Amino acid sequence: MTLRVQRKDWFGWNTINSDTWTKDSDKKVGLPAKCGSGTHDWRVYVYAEKGGGFTNVSRKITC
């Protein structure tokens, strides 16, 4: 599956960081060191080939 960390901009959700993940993986996908300035809405988008895509609730984070 693919995990994407997304930030909401004026034109919609922008993927800031992404990686693939398997059940045997211990990878983590996080915010980049420089995530911008100010307060933004962030969410995680998960896509699985067999299950489609879904997101969690967005959260406001100040960088």
PDB file of N, CA and C in Angstrom:
ATOM      1  N   MET A   1       0.836  -1.163   0.000  1.00  0.00           N
ATOM      2  CA  MET A   1       0.000   0.000   0.000  1.00  0.00           C
ATOM      3  C   MET A   1       0.886   1.232   0.000  1.00  0.00           C
ATOM      4  N   THR A   2       0.308   2.352  -0.338  1.00  0.00           N
ATOM      5  CA  THR A   2       1.030   3.617  -0.362  1.00  0.00           C
ATOM      6  C   THR A   2       0.477   4.535   0.719  1.00  0.00           C
ATOM      7  N   LEU A   3       1.361   5.158   1.470  1.00  0.00           N
ATOM      8  CA  LEU A   3       0.982   6.142   2.483  1.00  0.00           C
ATOM      9  C   LEU A   3       1.459   7.509   2.004  1.00  0.00           C
ATOM     10  N   ARG A   4       0.585   8.490   2.053  1.00  0.00           N
ATOM     11  CA  ARG A   4       0.946   9.850   1.639  1.00  0.00           C
ATOM     12  C   ARG A   4       0.613  10.823   2.754  1.00  0.00           C
ATOM     13  N   VAL A   5       1.569  11.666   3.116  1.00  0.00           N
ATOM     14  CA  VAL A   5       1.322  12.760   4.048  1.00  0.00           C
ATOM     15  C   VAL A   5       0.976  13.973   3.186  1.00  0.00           C
ATOM     16  N   GLN A   6      -0.218  14.536   3.412  1.00  0.00           N
ATOM     17  CA  GLN A   6      -0.692  15.615   2.560  1.00  0.00           C
ATOM     18  C   GLN A   6      -1.012  16.870   3.366  1.00  0.00           C
ATOM     19  N   ARG A   7      -0.748  18.029   2.735  1.00  0.00           N
ATOM     20  CA  ARG A   7      -1.069  19.333   3.333  1.00  0.00           C
ATOM     21  C   ARG A   7      -2.082  20.023   2.431  1.00  0.00           C
ATOM     22  N   LYS A   8      -3.081  20.648   3.043  1.00  0.00           N
ATOM     23  CA  LYS A   8      -4.101  21.344   2.264  1.00  0.00           C
ATOM     24  C   LYS A   8      -3.600  22.738   1.899  1.00  0.00           C
ATOM     25  N   ASP A   9      -3.606  23.021   0.597  1.00  0.00           N
ATOM     26  CA  ASP A   9      -3.241  24.331   0.075  1.00  0.00           C
ATOM     27  C   ASP A   9      -4.480  24.961  -0.544  1.00  0.00           C
ATOM     28  N   TRP A  10      -4.352  26.144  -1.085  1.00  0.00           N
ATOM     29  CA  TRP A  10      -5.494  26.845  -1.667  1.00  0.00           C
ATOM     30  C   TRP A  10      -6.116  26.075  -2.825  1.00  0.00           C
ATOM     31  N   PHE A  11      -5.352  25.176  -3.482  1.00  0.00           N
ATOM     32  CA  PHE A  11      -5.860  24.448  -4.644  1.00  0.00           C
ATOM     33  C   PHE A  11      -6.241  23.011  -4.320  1.00  0.00           C
ATOM     34  N   GLY A  12      -6.130  22.603  -3.069  1.00  0.00           N
ATOM     35  CA  GLY A  12      -6.497  21.236  -2.686  1.00  0.00           C
ATOM     36  C   GLY A  12      -5.411  20.559  -1.870  1.00  0.00           C
ATOM     37  N   TRP A  13      -5.453  19.231  -1.805  1.00  0.00           N
ATOM     38  CA  TRP A  13      -4.500  18.462  -1.008  1.00  0.00           C
ATOM     39  C   TRP A  13      -3.236  18.207  -1.819  1.00  0.00           C
ATOM     40  N   ASN A  14      -2.086  18.561  -1.238  1.00  0.00           N
ATOM     41  CA  ASN A  14      -0.789  18.438  -1.886  1.00  0.00           C
ATOM     42  C   ASN A  14       0.026  17.375  -1.144  1.00  0.00           C
ATOM     43  N   THR A  15       0.533  16.349  -1.853  1.00  0.00           N
ATOM     44  CA  THR A  15       1.355  15.317  -1.222  1.00  0.00           C
ATOM     45  C   THR A  15       2.739  15.876  -0.923  1.00  0.00           C
ATOM     46  N   ILE A  16       3.121  15.857   0.351  1.00  0.00           N
ATOM     47  CA  ILE A  16       4.407  16.377   0.798  1.00  0.00           C
ATOM     48  C   ILE A  16       5.427  15.254   0.936  1.00  0.00           C
ATOM     49  N   ASN A  17       4.979  14.087   1.335  1.00  0.00           N
ATOM     50  CA  ASN A  17       5.870  12.947   1.527  1.00  0.00           C
ATOM     51  C   ASN A  17       5.062  11.675   1.298  1.00  0.00           C
ATOM     52  N   SER A  18       5.695  10.654   0.700  1.00  0.00           N
ATOM     53  CA  SER A  18       4.997   9.386   0.509  1.00  0.00           C
ATOM     54  C   SER A  18       5.996   8.234   0.487  1.00  0.00           C
ATOM     55  N   ASP A  19       5.493   7.046   0.725  1.00  0.00           N
ATOM     56  CA  ASP A  19       6.318   5.845   0.689  1.00  0.00           C
ATOM     57  C   ASP A  19       5.391   4.642   0.577  1.00  0.00           C
ATOM     58  N   THR A  20       5.948   3.509   0.178  1.00  0.00           N
ATOM     59  CA  THR A  20       5.166   2.278   0.140  1.00  0.00           C
ATOM     60  C   THR A  20       5.384   1.516   1.441  1.00  0.00           C
ATOM     61  N   TRP A  21       4.420   0.689   1.790  1.00  0.00           N
ATOM     62  CA  TRP A  21       4.455  -0.038   3.048  1.00  0.00           C
ATOM     63  C   TRP A  21       3.903  -1.433   2.807  1.00  0.00           C
ATOM     64  N   THR A  22       4.541  -2.431   3.414  1.00  0.00           N
ATOM     65  CA  THR A  22       4.029  -3.800   3.369  1.00  0.00           C
ATOM     66  C   THR A  22       3.828  -4.283   4.797  1.00  0.00           C
ATOM     67  N   LYS A  23       3.150  -5.395   4.950  1.00  0.00           N
ATOM     68  CA  LYS A  23       2.884  -5.908   6.300  1.00  0.00           C
ATOM     69  C   LYS A  23       4.163  -6.253   7.055  1.00  0.00           C
ATOM     70  N   ASP A  24       5.253  -6.543   6.355  1.00  0.00           N
ATOM     71  CA  ASP A  24       6.521  -6.871   7.001  1.00  0.00           C
ATOM     72  C   ASP A  24       7.437  -5.663   7.161  1.00  0.00           C
ATOM     73  N   SER A  25       6.963  -4.500   6.757  1.00  0.00           N
ATOM     74  CA  SER A  25       7.774  -3.287   6.793  1.00  0.00           C
ATOM     75  C   SER A  25       7.632  -2.578   8.134  1.00  0.00           C
ATOM     76  N   ASP A  26       8.702  -1.929   8.555  1.00  0.00           N
ATOM     77  CA  ASP A  26       8.627  -1.099   9.760  1.00  0.00           C
ATOM     78  C   ASP A  26       8.878   0.361   9.403  1.00  0.00           C
ATOM     79  N   LYS A  27       8.643   0.718   8.147  1.00  0.00           N
ATOM     80  CA  LYS A  27       8.857   2.082   7.679  1.00  0.00           C
ATOM     81  C   LYS A  27       7.891   3.048   8.339  1.00  0.00           C
ATOM     82  N   LYS A  28       8.319   4.284   8.449  1.00  0.00           N
ATOM     83  CA  LYS A  28       7.473   5.357   8.936  1.00  0.00           C
ATOM     84  C   LYS A  28       7.482   6.468   7.897  1.00  0.00           C
ATOM     85  N   VAL A  29       6.355   7.101   7.687  1.00  0.00           N
ATOM     86  CA  VAL A  29       6.254   8.230   6.782  1.00  0.00           C
ATOM     87  C   VAL A  29       5.856   9.428   7.629  1.00  0.00           C
ATOM     88  N   GLY A  30       6.683  10.463   7.634  1.00  0.00           N
ATOM     89  CA  GLY A  30       6.398  11.606   8.480  1.00  0.00           C
ATOM     90  C   GLY A  30       6.505  12.917   7.734  1.00  0.00           C
ATOM     91  N   LEU A  31       6.423  13.993   8.477  1.00  0.00           N
ATOM     92  CA  LEU A  31       6.567  15.316   7.901  1.00  0.00           C
ATOM     93  C   LEU A  31       8.031  15.558   7.552  1.00  0.00           C
ATOM     94  N   PRO A  32       8.301  16.265   6.472  1.00  0.00           N
ATOM     95  CA  PRO A  32       9.687  16.606   6.159  1.00  0.00           C
ATOM     96  C   PRO A  32      10.224  17.594   7.185  1.00  0.00           C
ATOM     97  N   ALA A  33      11.542  17.717   7.258  1.00  0.00           N
ATOM     98  CA  ALA A  33      12.171  18.616   8.234  1.00  0.00           C
ATOM     99  C   ALA A  33      11.669  20.048   8.069  1.00  0.00           C
ATOM    100  N   LYS A  34      11.461  20.477   6.833  1.00  0.00           N
ATOM    101  CA  LYS A  34      10.941  21.822   6.572  1.00  0.00           C
ATOM    102  C   LYS A  34       9.537  21.682   6.002  1.00  0.00           C
ATOM    103  N   CYS A  35       8.545  21.767   6.854  1.00  0.00           N
ATOM    104  CA  CYS A  35       7.167  21.546   6.403  1.00  0.00           C
ATOM    105  C   CYS A  35       6.467  22.839   6.025  1.00  0.00           C
ATOM    106  N   GLY A  36       7.189  23.948   5.962  1.00  0.00           N
ATOM    107  CA  GLY A  36       6.595  25.224   5.596  1.00  0.00           C
ATOM    108  C   GLY A  36       6.489  26.126   6.800  1.00  0.00           C
ATOM    109  N   SER A  37       5.722  27.167   6.666  1.00  0.00           N
ATOM    110  CA  SER A  37       5.524  28.076   7.795  1.00  0.00           C
ATOM    111  C   SER A  37       4.034  28.290   7.998  1.00  0.00           C
ATOM    112  N   GLY A  38       3.664  28.609   9.215  1.00  0.00           N
ATOM    113  CA  GLY A  38       2.259  28.832   9.517  1.00  0.00           C
ATOM    114  C   GLY A  38       1.549  27.561   9.929  1.00  0.00           C
ATOM    115  N   THR A  39       0.226  27.659  10.019  1.00  0.00           N
ATOM    116  CA  THR A  39      -0.615  26.533  10.416  1.00  0.00           C
ATOM    117  C   THR A  39      -1.350  26.008   9.191  1.00  0.00           C
ATOM    118  N   HIS A  40      -1.294  24.699   8.997  1.00  0.00           N
ATOM    119  CA  HIS A  40      -1.927  24.073   7.843  1.00  0.00           C
ATOM    120  C   HIS A  40      -2.718  22.848   8.296  1.00  0.00           C
ATOM    121  N   ASP A  41      -3.689  22.452   7.474  1.00  0.00           N
ATOM    122  CA  ASP A  41      -4.393  21.187   7.677  1.00  0.00           C
ATOM    123  C   ASP A  41      -3.557  20.082   7.041  1.00  0.00           C
ATOM    124  N   TRP A  42      -3.343  18.988   7.786  1.00  0.00           N
ATOM    125  CA  TRP A  42      -2.571  17.834   7.321  1.00  0.00           C
ATOM    126  C   TRP A  42      -3.428  16.590   7.456  1.00  0.00           C
ATOM    127  N   ARG A  43      -3.175  15.603   6.586  1.00  0.00           N
ATOM    128  CA  ARG A  43      -3.857  14.324   6.685  1.00  0.00           C
ATOM    129  C   ARG A  43      -2.948  13.231   6.119  1.00  0.00           C
ATOM    130  N   VAL A  44      -3.329  11.988   6.393  1.00  0.00           N
ATOM    131  CA  VAL A  44      -2.649  10.838   5.814  1.00  0.00           C
ATOM    132  C   VAL A  44      -3.616  10.184   4.838  1.00  0.00           C
ATOM    133  N   TYR A  45      -3.153   9.947   3.623  1.00  0.00           N
ATOM    134  CA  TYR A  45      -3.932   9.269   2.593  1.00  0.00           C
ATOM    135  C   TYR A  45      -3.318   7.884   2.404  1.00  0.00           C
ATOM    136  N   VAL A  46      -4.145   6.849   2.483  1.00  0.00           N
ATOM    137  CA  VAL A  46      -3.677   5.468   2.342  1.00  0.00           C
ATOM    138  C   VAL A  46      -4.340   4.880   1.100  1.00  0.00           C
ATOM    139  N   TYR A  47      -3.517   4.264   0.241  1.00  0.00           N
ATOM    140  CA  TYR A  47      -4.065   3.611  -0.952  1.00  0.00           C
ATOM    141  C   TYR A  47      -3.584   2.175  -0.998  1.00  0.00           C
ATOM    142  N   ALA A  48      -4.528   1.255  -1.099  1.00  0.00           N
ATOM    143  CA  ALA A  48      -4.220  -0.169  -1.241  1.00  0.00           C
ATOM    144  C   ALA A  48      -4.846  -0.647  -2.543  1.00  0.00           C
ATOM    145  N   GLU A  49      -4.087  -1.377  -3.326  1.00  0.00           N
ATOM    146  CA  GLU A  49      -4.559  -1.827  -4.635  1.00  0.00           C
ATOM    147  C   GLU A  49      -5.885  -2.568  -4.549  1.00  0.00           C
ATOM    148  N   LYS A  50      -6.046  -3.422  -3.551  1.00  0.00           N
ATOM    149  CA  LYS A  50      -7.276  -4.211  -3.422  1.00  0.00           C
ATOM    150  C   LYS A  50      -8.394  -3.465  -2.700  1.00  0.00           C
ATOM    151  N   GLY A  51      -8.040  -2.467  -1.879  1.00  0.00           N
ATOM    152  CA  GLY A  51      -9.057  -1.817  -1.069  1.00  0.00           C
ATOM    153  C   GLY A  51      -9.394  -0.393  -1.475  1.00  0.00           C
ATOM    154  N   GLY A  52      -8.658   0.178  -2.425  1.00  0.00           N
ATOM    155  CA  GLY A  52      -8.903   1.562  -2.813  1.00  0.00           C
ATOM    156  C   GLY A  52      -8.213   2.528  -1.871  1.00  0.00           C
ATOM    157  N   GLY A  53      -8.643   3.771  -1.863  1.00  0.00           N
ATOM    158  CA  GLY A  53      -8.003   4.792  -1.039  1.00  0.00           C
ATOM    159  C   GLY A  53      -8.928   5.329   0.032  1.00  0.00           C
ATOM    160  N   PHE A  54      -8.327   5.796   1.117  1.00  0.00           N
ATOM    161  CA  PHE A  54      -9.096   6.451   2.170  1.00  0.00           C
ATOM    162  C   PHE A  54      -8.178   7.394   2.936  1.00  0.00           C
ATOM    163  N   THR A  55      -8.765   8.305   3.678  1.00  0.00           N
ATOM    164  CA  THR A  55      -7.994   9.267   4.469  1.00  0.00           C
ATOM    165  C   THR A  55      -8.460   9.230   5.914  1.00  0.00           C
ATOM    166  N   ASN A  56      -7.639   9.803   6.771  1.00  0.00           N
ATOM    167  CA  ASN A  56      -8.050   9.985   8.154  1.00  0.00           C
ATOM    168  C   ASN A  56      -8.593  11.407   8.302  1.00  0.00           C
ATOM    169  N   VAL A  57      -8.980  11.776   9.484  1.00  0.00           N
ATOM    170  CA  VAL A  57      -9.435  13.140   9.771  1.00  0.00           C
ATOM    171  C   VAL A  57      -8.227  14.051   9.690  1.00  0.00           C
ATOM    172  N   SER A  58      -8.382  15.220   9.086  1.00  0.00           N
ATOM    173  CA  SER A  58      -7.265  16.155   9.011  1.00  0.00           C
ATOM    174  C   SER A  58      -7.044  16.825  10.363  1.00  0.00           C
ATOM    175  N   ARG A  59      -5.820  17.251  10.578  1.00  0.00           N
ATOM    176  CA  ARG A  59      -5.434  17.937  11.827  1.00  0.00           C
ATOM    177  C   ARG A  59      -4.664  19.195  11.485  1.00  0.00           C
ATOM    178  N   LYS A  60      -4.846  20.242  12.283  1.00  0.00           N
ATOM    179  CA  LYS A  60      -4.068  21.464  12.094  1.00  0.00           C
ATOM    180  C   LYS A  60      -2.728  21.321  12.813  1.00  0.00           C
ATOM    181  N   ILE A  61      -1.639  21.604  12.081  1.00  0.00           N
ATOM    182  CA  ILE A  61      -0.295  21.539  12.643  1.00  0.00           C
ATOM    183  C   ILE A  61       0.408  22.838  12.307  1.00  0.00           C
ATOM    184  N   THR A  62       1.085  23.429  13.284  1.00  0.00           N
ATOM    185  CA  THR A  62       1.866  24.638  13.065  1.00  0.00           C
ATOM    186  C   THR A  62       3.315  24.258  12.880  1.00  0.00           C
ATOM    187  N   CYS A  63       3.897  24.723  11.772  1.00  0.00           N
ATOM    188  CA  CYS A  63       5.305  24.427  11.467  1.00  0.00           C
ATOM    189  C   CYS A  63       6.193  25.571  11.918  1.00  0.00           C
TER     190      CYS A  63
END
